[in-house]
């Protein structure tokens, strides 16, 4: 299984840079970049923080693809 995400799209909808989103969820900009590019799978806590910050459900950002 693979984890796909719409983080970049959701971030753009909210007019946030990677750095701004990173500051809001208390991670580095590089962490946001690696999540967006599918190189890093975020923890449950980070996924929840991202969803809350972006005003969407976790499922709207992350989906499993078989």
N, C-alpha and C. Protein backbone atom coordinates (compact mmCIF):
# COMPACT_ATOMS: atom_id res chain seq x y z
N UNK A 1 0.84 -1.20 0.00
CA UNK A 1 0.00 0.00 0.00
C UNK A 1 0.87 1.24 0.00
N UNK A 2 0.31 2.29 -0.56
CA UNK A 2 1.01 3.56 -0.65
C UNK A 2 0.13 4.65 -0.06
N UNK A 3 0.76 5.63 0.57
CA UNK A 3 0.03 6.75 1.14
C UNK A 3 0.14 7.95 0.21
N UNK A 4 -0.97 8.37 -0.34
CA UNK A 4 -1.01 9.58 -1.17
C UNK A 4 -1.49 10.74 -0.32
N UNK A 5 -1.14 11.96 -0.73
CA UNK A 5 -1.64 13.11 0.02
C UNK A 5 -1.91 14.30 -0.89
N UNK A 6 -2.77 15.17 -0.39
CA UNK A 6 -3.12 16.41 -1.10
C UNK A 6 -2.61 17.62 -0.31
N UNK A 7 -1.56 17.41 0.47
CA UNK A 7 -1.07 18.47 1.35
C UNK A 7 -0.72 19.74 0.59
N UNK A 8 -0.05 19.60 -0.52
CA UNK A 8 0.35 20.79 -1.30
C UNK A 8 -0.88 21.56 -1.76
N UNK A 9 -1.90 20.86 -2.22
CA UNK A 9 -3.14 21.49 -2.67
C UNK A 9 -3.84 22.17 -1.50
N UNK A 10 -3.96 21.46 -0.39
CA UNK A 10 -4.63 22.02 0.79
C UNK A 10 -3.88 23.25 1.31
N UNK A 11 -2.57 23.19 1.27
CA UNK A 11 -1.74 24.32 1.70
C UNK A 11 -1.97 25.52 0.78
N UNK A 12 -2.05 25.28 -0.53
CA UNK A 12 -2.30 26.36 -1.49
C UNK A 12 -3.68 26.98 -1.30
N UNK A 13 -4.67 26.14 -1.03
CA UNK A 13 -6.03 26.63 -0.79
C UNK A 13 -6.04 27.60 0.39
N UNK A 14 -5.21 27.29 1.39
CA UNK A 14 -5.12 28.13 2.59
C UNK A 14 -4.08 29.24 2.45
N UNK A 15 -3.49 29.35 1.25
CA UNK A 15 -2.52 30.41 0.95
C UNK A 15 -1.36 30.44 1.96
N UNK A 16 -0.81 29.25 2.22
CA UNK A 16 0.31 29.12 3.15
C UNK A 16 1.55 28.62 2.43
N UNK A 17 2.70 29.14 2.82
CA UNK A 17 3.96 28.59 2.31
C UNK A 17 4.29 27.35 3.15
N UNK A 18 5.26 26.58 2.67
CA UNK A 18 5.71 25.44 3.46
C UNK A 18 6.20 25.90 4.82
N UNK A 19 6.94 27.00 4.85
CA UNK A 19 7.49 27.52 6.11
C UNK A 19 6.39 27.96 7.07
N UNK A 20 5.36 28.61 6.55
CA UNK A 20 4.26 29.06 7.40
C UNK A 20 3.51 27.88 8.00
N UNK A 21 3.23 26.87 7.18
CA UNK A 21 2.55 25.69 7.68
C UNK A 21 3.42 24.97 8.71
N UNK A 22 4.69 24.87 8.42
CA UNK A 22 5.62 24.21 9.34
C UNK A 22 5.61 24.91 10.70
N UNK A 23 5.65 26.24 10.70
CA UNK A 23 5.61 26.99 11.96
C UNK A 23 4.34 26.70 12.74
N UNK A 24 3.22 26.63 12.03
CA UNK A 24 1.93 26.42 12.71
C UNK A 24 1.80 25.03 13.33
N UNK A 25 2.44 24.03 12.72
CA UNK A 25 2.34 22.67 13.26
C UNK A 25 3.61 22.24 14.00
N UNK A 26 4.54 23.20 14.15
CA UNK A 26 5.75 23.01 14.94
C UNK A 26 6.68 21.92 14.41
N UNK A 27 6.94 21.97 13.10
CA UNK A 27 7.94 21.10 12.46
C UNK A 27 8.78 21.99 11.55
N UNK A 28 9.77 21.40 10.89
CA UNK A 28 10.59 22.16 9.96
C UNK A 28 9.93 22.23 8.58
N UNK A 29 10.36 23.20 7.79
CA UNK A 29 9.87 23.31 6.42
C UNK A 29 10.23 22.06 5.63
N UNK A 30 11.40 21.49 5.91
CA UNK A 30 11.83 20.28 5.21
C UNK A 30 10.87 19.11 5.51
N UNK A 31 10.36 19.04 6.72
CA UNK A 31 9.39 17.99 7.05
C UNK A 31 8.15 18.13 6.19
N UNK A 32 7.64 19.35 6.05
CA UNK A 32 6.47 19.59 5.20
C UNK A 32 6.78 19.18 3.77
N UNK A 33 7.96 19.56 3.29
CA UNK A 33 8.37 19.23 1.93
C UNK A 33 8.42 17.72 1.71
N UNK A 34 8.99 16.98 2.66
CA UNK A 34 9.11 15.53 2.48
C UNK A 34 7.76 14.84 2.58
N UNK A 35 6.85 15.37 3.38
CA UNK A 35 5.48 14.81 3.43
C UNK A 35 4.79 15.06 2.10
N UNK A 36 4.87 16.29 1.59
CA UNK A 36 4.23 16.63 0.32
C UNK A 36 4.74 15.75 -0.82
N UNK A 37 6.02 15.42 -0.81
CA UNK A 37 6.62 14.62 -1.87
C UNK A 37 6.52 13.12 -1.64
N UNK A 38 5.86 12.71 -0.55
CA UNK A 38 5.65 11.30 -0.29
C UNK A 38 6.89 10.56 0.20
N UNK A 39 7.90 11.29 0.63
CA UNK A 39 9.13 10.66 1.11
C UNK A 39 9.07 10.35 2.60
N UNK A 40 8.12 10.98 3.30
CA UNK A 40 7.99 10.82 4.75
C UNK A 40 6.53 10.62 5.10
N UNK A 41 6.25 9.60 5.89
CA UNK A 41 4.88 9.36 6.38
C UNK A 41 4.77 10.01 7.76
N UNK A 42 3.88 10.97 7.90
CA UNK A 42 3.79 11.68 9.18
C UNK A 42 3.20 10.81 10.28
N UNK A 43 3.54 11.17 11.51
CA UNK A 43 2.94 10.51 12.67
C UNK A 43 1.46 10.86 12.72
N UNK A 44 0.74 10.13 13.51
CA UNK A 44 -0.69 10.41 13.69
C UNK A 44 -0.88 11.82 14.25
N UNK A 45 -0.04 12.19 15.20
CA UNK A 45 -0.14 13.52 15.82
C UNK A 45 0.08 14.61 14.76
N UNK A 46 1.10 14.45 13.93
CA UNK A 46 1.37 15.45 12.89
C UNK A 46 0.23 15.49 11.88
N UNK A 47 -0.29 14.34 11.48
CA UNK A 47 -1.40 14.30 10.53
C UNK A 47 -2.62 15.04 11.10
N UNK A 48 -2.88 14.84 12.37
CA UNK A 48 -4.01 15.53 13.02
C UNK A 48 -3.77 17.03 13.11
N UNK A 49 -2.55 17.43 13.43
CA UNK A 49 -2.22 18.86 13.48
C UNK A 49 -2.37 19.51 12.11
N UNK A 50 -1.90 18.83 11.08
CA UNK A 50 -2.02 19.36 9.72
C UNK A 50 -3.49 19.54 9.35
N UNK A 51 -4.30 18.52 9.62
CA UNK A 51 -5.72 18.59 9.28
C UNK A 51 -6.41 19.73 10.02
N UNK A 52 -6.13 19.85 11.31
CA UNK A 52 -6.75 20.91 12.11
C UNK A 52 -6.33 22.29 11.60
N UNK A 53 -5.05 22.46 11.32
CA UNK A 53 -4.53 23.73 10.84
C UNK A 53 -5.13 24.12 9.49
N UNK A 54 -5.32 23.12 8.63
CA UNK A 54 -5.85 23.38 7.29
C UNK A 54 -7.38 23.36 7.23
N UNK A 55 -8.03 23.00 8.34
CA UNK A 55 -9.49 23.03 8.40
C UNK A 55 -10.17 21.92 7.62
N UNK A 56 -9.50 20.78 7.51
CA UNK A 56 -10.07 19.63 6.80
C UNK A 56 -9.88 18.37 7.64
N UNK A 57 -10.49 17.27 7.20
CA UNK A 57 -10.28 16.00 7.90
C UNK A 57 -8.97 15.38 7.44
N UNK A 58 -8.44 14.49 8.24
CA UNK A 58 -7.21 13.78 7.89
C UNK A 58 -7.41 13.04 6.56
N UNK A 59 -8.60 12.48 6.38
CA UNK A 59 -8.91 11.73 5.15
C UNK A 59 -8.92 12.60 3.90
N UNK A 60 -9.13 13.90 4.08
CA UNK A 60 -9.08 14.80 2.93
C UNK A 60 -7.65 15.09 2.51
N UNK A 61 -6.70 14.85 3.41
CA UNK A 61 -5.28 15.05 3.09
C UNK A 61 -4.61 13.74 2.70
N UNK A 62 -4.86 12.69 3.46
CA UNK A 62 -4.16 11.43 3.26
C UNK A 62 -5.10 10.30 2.86
N UNK A 63 -4.70 9.55 1.83
CA UNK A 63 -5.47 8.38 1.40
C UNK A 63 -4.54 7.21 1.12
N UNK A 64 -5.02 6.03 1.40
CA UNK A 64 -4.27 4.80 1.10
C UNK A 64 -4.61 4.32 -0.30
N UNK A 65 -3.59 3.95 -1.05
CA UNK A 65 -3.79 3.43 -2.39
C UNK A 65 -3.20 2.01 -2.41
N UNK A 66 -4.00 1.07 -2.87
CA UNK A 66 -3.52 -0.32 -2.91
C UNK A 66 -2.82 -0.63 -4.21
